[in-house]
Amino acid sequence: MPHAGPDERGPRDADITRWALAARDGDRDSATAFIAGTQHHVQRFLTHVVGAAEAEDLTQETYLRAMRALPRFAARSTARTWLLAIARRVAVDHIRAAVVRPRVADLDDWQAVAETVTATSAPRFDGAVVLRQLLRDLPADRREAFVATQVLGLSYAEAAEVCDCPIGTIRSRVARAREDLVAAMAADGDRSTGRHLRAIG
């Protein structure tokens, strides 16, 4: 059965794409490996884009859509990029639907974020939580571009595919997101968040 490599960031893009192609052709073990090897990135992307409370359900919706679309996957891009593009569309659909519903308090979001912080990252807890809040305050297009490139580590070209826009637009959005975050941190005077931003950027 396929398995992920030792890299803490997860399996290589080549492996993920190979699993996706094999899953497309009916290999169930490869389908399992494809989901296991990409789930962390999908959920992390959705957590930053729409919030921790919704990320788990939207991750499941992403894989439901991906499995339905898999027979048409032709590997014109990496499978991870293809999957994150689906995740983005799921997020956009969710946000559009949420516009017609009344907003609720963010307490559940904060609680879910807090529960994801392990004991080993406790010294960075405050900065990480504040950074997530600052990211959520960014305009959606800048947040998507920043998370895709600076948090998930996609190239600008890959992020352009995920966000369905030119590479130059991604570069501009990331630059503006950085400016917004720096300005927000300066206004807040939060040095720990600044260190956390440098760490992921």
Protein backbone atom coordinates (compact mmCIF):
# COMPACT_ATOMS: atom_id res chain seq x y z
CA MET A 1 0.00 0.00 0.00
CA PRO A 2 1.33 3.49 -0.79
CA HIS A 3 2.57 5.50 2.11
CA ALA A 4 3.68 9.00 2.85
CA GLY A 5 7.35 9.81 3.12
CA PRO A 6 9.12 11.08 6.25
CA ASP A 7 8.93 14.75 5.26
CA GLU A 8 7.01 16.57 8.01
CA ARG A 9 5.24 18.59 5.32
CA GLY A 10 3.80 15.35 3.99
CA PRO A 11 4.35 13.33 0.83
CA ARG A 12 5.85 14.80 -2.32
CA ASP A 13 3.61 16.30 -4.99
CA ALA A 14 4.74 13.59 -7.40
CA ASP A 15 3.52 10.88 -5.01
CA ILE A 16 0.20 12.66 -4.42
CA THR A 17 -0.37 12.97 -8.16
CA ARG A 18 0.56 9.32 -8.72
CA TRP A 19 -1.94 8.25 -6.03
CA ALA A 20 -4.65 10.42 -7.57
CA LEU A 21 -4.10 8.90 -11.02
CA ALA A 22 -4.14 5.38 -9.60
CA ALA A 23 -7.27 6.18 -7.57
CA ARG A 24 -8.87 7.51 -10.75
CA ASP A 25 -8.22 4.11 -12.30
CA GLY A 26 -9.87 2.28 -9.39
CA ASP A 27 -7.03 1.60 -6.92
CA ARG A 28 -8.65 1.93 -3.48
CA ASP A 29 -5.35 1.86 -1.58
CA SER A 30 -4.13 4.80 -3.64
CA ALA A 31 -7.38 6.65 -2.96
CA THR A 32 -6.82 6.15 0.76
CA ALA A 33 -3.22 7.34 0.47
CA PHE A 34 -4.29 10.37 -1.58
CA ILE A 35 -6.77 11.47 1.08
CA ALA A 36 -4.40 10.78 3.98
CA GLY A 37 -1.54 12.59 2.25
CA THR A 38 -3.49 15.76 1.49
CA GLN A 39 -6.05 16.10 4.28
CA HIS A 40 -3.81 18.22 6.51
CA HIS A 41 -3.21 20.79 3.76
CA VAL A 42 -6.88 20.95 2.80
CA GLN A 43 -8.08 21.39 6.36
CA ARG A 44 -5.37 23.93 7.15
CA PHE A 45 -6.26 25.96 4.06
CA LEU A 46 -9.96 25.92 4.91
CA THR A 47 -9.31 26.75 8.57
CA HIS A 48 -7.57 29.96 7.56
CA VAL A 49 -10.01 30.84 4.78
CA VAL A 50 -13.37 30.15 6.44
CA GLY A 51 -12.63 29.37 10.11
CA ALA A 52 -11.89 26.36 12.27
CA ALA A 53 -15.52 25.63 13.12
CA GLU A 54 -16.44 25.05 9.47
CA ALA A 55 -13.17 23.54 8.22
CA GLU A 56 -13.88 19.91 9.08
CA ASP A 57 -17.24 19.78 7.32
CA LEU A 58 -15.89 21.69 4.33
CA THR A 59 -12.91 19.33 4.13
CA GLN A 60 -15.33 16.42 3.82
CA GLU A 61 -17.25 18.30 1.13
CA THR A 62 -13.97 18.95 -0.71
CA TYR A 63 -13.18 15.24 -0.87
CA LEU A 64 -16.73 14.37 -1.93
CA ARG A 65 -16.39 16.79 -4.85
CA ALA A 66 -12.85 15.61 -5.60
CA MET A 67 -13.88 11.95 -5.77
CA ARG A 68 -16.72 12.82 -8.13
CA ALA A 69 -14.33 14.85 -10.31
CA LEU A 70 -11.45 12.36 -10.14
CA PRO A 71 -12.39 10.50 -13.37
CA ARG A 72 -11.70 13.79 -15.22
CA PHE A 73 -8.35 14.47 -13.50
CA ALA A 74 -5.69 14.57 -16.22
CA ALA A 75 -2.65 15.70 -14.16
CA ARG A 76 -2.27 18.98 -16.05
CA SER A 77 -1.33 20.37 -12.63
CA THR A 78 -0.26 18.54 -9.49
CA ALA A 79 -3.04 16.71 -7.69
CA ARG A 80 -2.47 18.83 -4.57
CA THR A 81 -2.98 22.04 -6.54
CA TRP A 82 -6.06 20.56 -8.23
CA LEU A 83 -7.47 19.52 -4.84
CA LEU A 84 -6.85 22.91 -3.22
CA ALA A 85 -8.61 24.59 -6.14
CA ILE A 86 -11.63 22.42 -5.33
CA ALA A 87 -11.30 23.37 -1.65
CA ARG A 88 -11.32 27.03 -2.61
CA ARG A 89 -14.52 26.59 -4.62
CA VAL A 90 -16.09 24.80 -1.65
CA ALA A 91 -15.09 27.74 0.57
CA VAL A 92 -16.47 30.30 -1.91
CA ASP A 93 -19.78 28.42 -2.09
CA HIS A 94 -19.93 28.27 1.71
CA ILE A 95 -19.25 32.00 2.08
CA ARG A 96 -21.87 32.86 -0.52
CA ALA A 97 -24.44 30.72 1.29
CA ALA A 98 -23.48 32.27 4.63
CA VAL A 99 -24.27 35.76 3.35
CA VAL A 100 -27.99 35.00 3.53
CA ARG A 101 -27.72 33.55 7.04
CA PRO A 102 -27.36 35.63 10.24
CA ARG A 103 -23.85 35.72 11.69
CA VAL A 104 -23.19 34.03 15.02
CA ALA A 105 -20.61 34.69 17.70
CA ASP A 106 -17.07 33.54 16.98
CA LEU A 107 -16.66 31.79 20.34
CA ASP A 108 -16.80 28.33 18.79
CA ASP A 109 -14.13 29.30 16.27
CA TRP A 110 -11.79 30.49 19.01
CA GLN A 111 -12.40 27.34 21.05
CA ALA A 112 -11.66 25.10 18.08
CA VAL A 113 -8.46 27.01 17.34
CA ALA A 114 -7.36 26.72 20.95
CA GLU A 115 -7.95 22.98 20.94
CA THR A 116 -5.71 22.52 17.91
CA VAL A 117 -2.69 24.03 19.67
CA THR A 118 -0.59 21.29 21.20
CA ALA A 119 1.37 21.48 24.43
CA THR A 120 4.62 21.70 22.47
CA SER A 121 3.51 24.93 20.83
CA ALA A 122 2.21 26.52 24.03
CA PRO A 123 4.85 29.31 24.09
CA ARG A 124 3.60 30.49 20.70
CA PHE A 125 -0.09 30.16 21.49
CA ASP A 126 -0.92 33.84 21.88
CA GLY A 127 0.88 34.87 18.69
CA ALA A 128 -0.63 32.02 16.67
CA VAL A 129 -4.18 32.80 17.77
CA VAL A 130 -3.81 36.54 17.15
CA LEU A 131 -2.27 35.83 13.74
CA ARG A 132 -5.23 33.67 12.79
CA GLN A 133 -7.58 36.47 13.78
CA LEU A 134 -5.55 38.97 11.75
CA LEU A 135 -5.67 36.64 8.74
CA ARG A 136 -9.42 36.35 9.09
CA ASP A 137 -9.69 40.15 8.96
CA LEU A 138 -7.94 40.30 5.58
CA PRO A 139 -10.01 40.62 2.41
CA ALA A 140 -10.83 37.11 1.16
CA ASP A 141 -8.68 37.29 -1.98
CA ARG A 142 -5.58 38.44 -0.06
CA ARG A 143 -6.17 35.83 2.66
CA GLU A 144 -6.40 33.00 0.11
CA ALA A 145 -3.20 34.08 -1.65
CA PHE A 146 -1.28 34.55 1.60
CA VAL A 147 -2.37 31.22 3.09
CA ALA A 148 -1.67 29.32 -0.13
CA THR A 149 1.87 30.67 -0.51
CA GLN A 150 3.08 31.59 2.97
CA VAL A 151 1.30 28.98 5.10
CA LEU A 152 0.96 25.99 2.76
CA GLY A 153 4.12 26.73 0.80
CA LEU A 154 2.67 26.66 -2.71
CA SER A 155 4.58 28.39 -5.45
CA TYR A 156 3.07 31.55 -6.91
CA ALA A 157 2.20 29.57 -10.05
CA GLU A 158 0.43 26.89 -8.03
CA ALA A 159 -1.40 29.49 -5.97
CA ALA A 160 -2.51 31.18 -9.19
CA GLU A 161 -4.11 27.88 -10.26
CA VAL A 162 -5.77 27.41 -6.87
CA CYS A 163 -7.12 30.98 -6.81
CA ASP A 164 -7.90 31.05 -10.55
CA CYS A 165 -6.03 34.26 -11.32
CA PRO A 166 -2.72 35.40 -12.92
CA ILE A 167 0.58 34.95 -11.09
CA GLY A 168 1.07 38.72 -10.96
CA THR A 169 -2.24 39.05 -9.13
CA ILE A 170 -1.10 36.49 -6.55
CA ARG A 171 2.15 38.39 -6.01
CA SER A 172 0.22 41.63 -5.54
CA ARG A 173 -2.28 40.06 -3.15
CA VAL A 174 0.46 38.48 -1.03
CA ALA A 175 2.36 41.78 -0.87
CA ARG A 176 -0.77 43.66 0.15
CA ALA A 177 -1.67 40.98 2.69
CA ARG A 178 1.77 41.38 4.26
CA GLU A 179 1.33 45.14 4.39
CA ASP A 180 -2.09 44.73 6.00
CA LEU A 181 -0.76 42.27 8.58
CA VAL A 182 2.25 44.43 9.44
CA ALA A 183 0.01 47.48 9.82
CA ALA A 184 -2.45 45.55 12.01
CA MET A 185 0.35 44.23 14.19
CA ALA A 186 1.89 47.68 14.51
CA ALA A 187 -1.46 49.06 15.61
CA ASP A 188 -1.86 46.22 18.08
CA GLY A 189 1.75 46.30 19.27
CA ASP A 190 1.90 42.49 19.27
CA ARG A 191 5.54 41.45 18.96
CA SER A 192 4.85 37.73 19.42
CA THR A 193 2.55 37.78 16.42
CA GLY A 194 5.26 39.47 14.41
CA ARG A 195 7.67 36.68 15.22
CA HIS A 196 5.06 34.11 14.21
CA LEU A 197 4.43 35.92 10.91
CA ARG A 198 8.14 35.92 10.10
CA ALA A 199 8.30 32.21 10.94
CA ILE A 200 5.64 31.27 8.39
CA GLY A 201 6.59 33.85 5.80
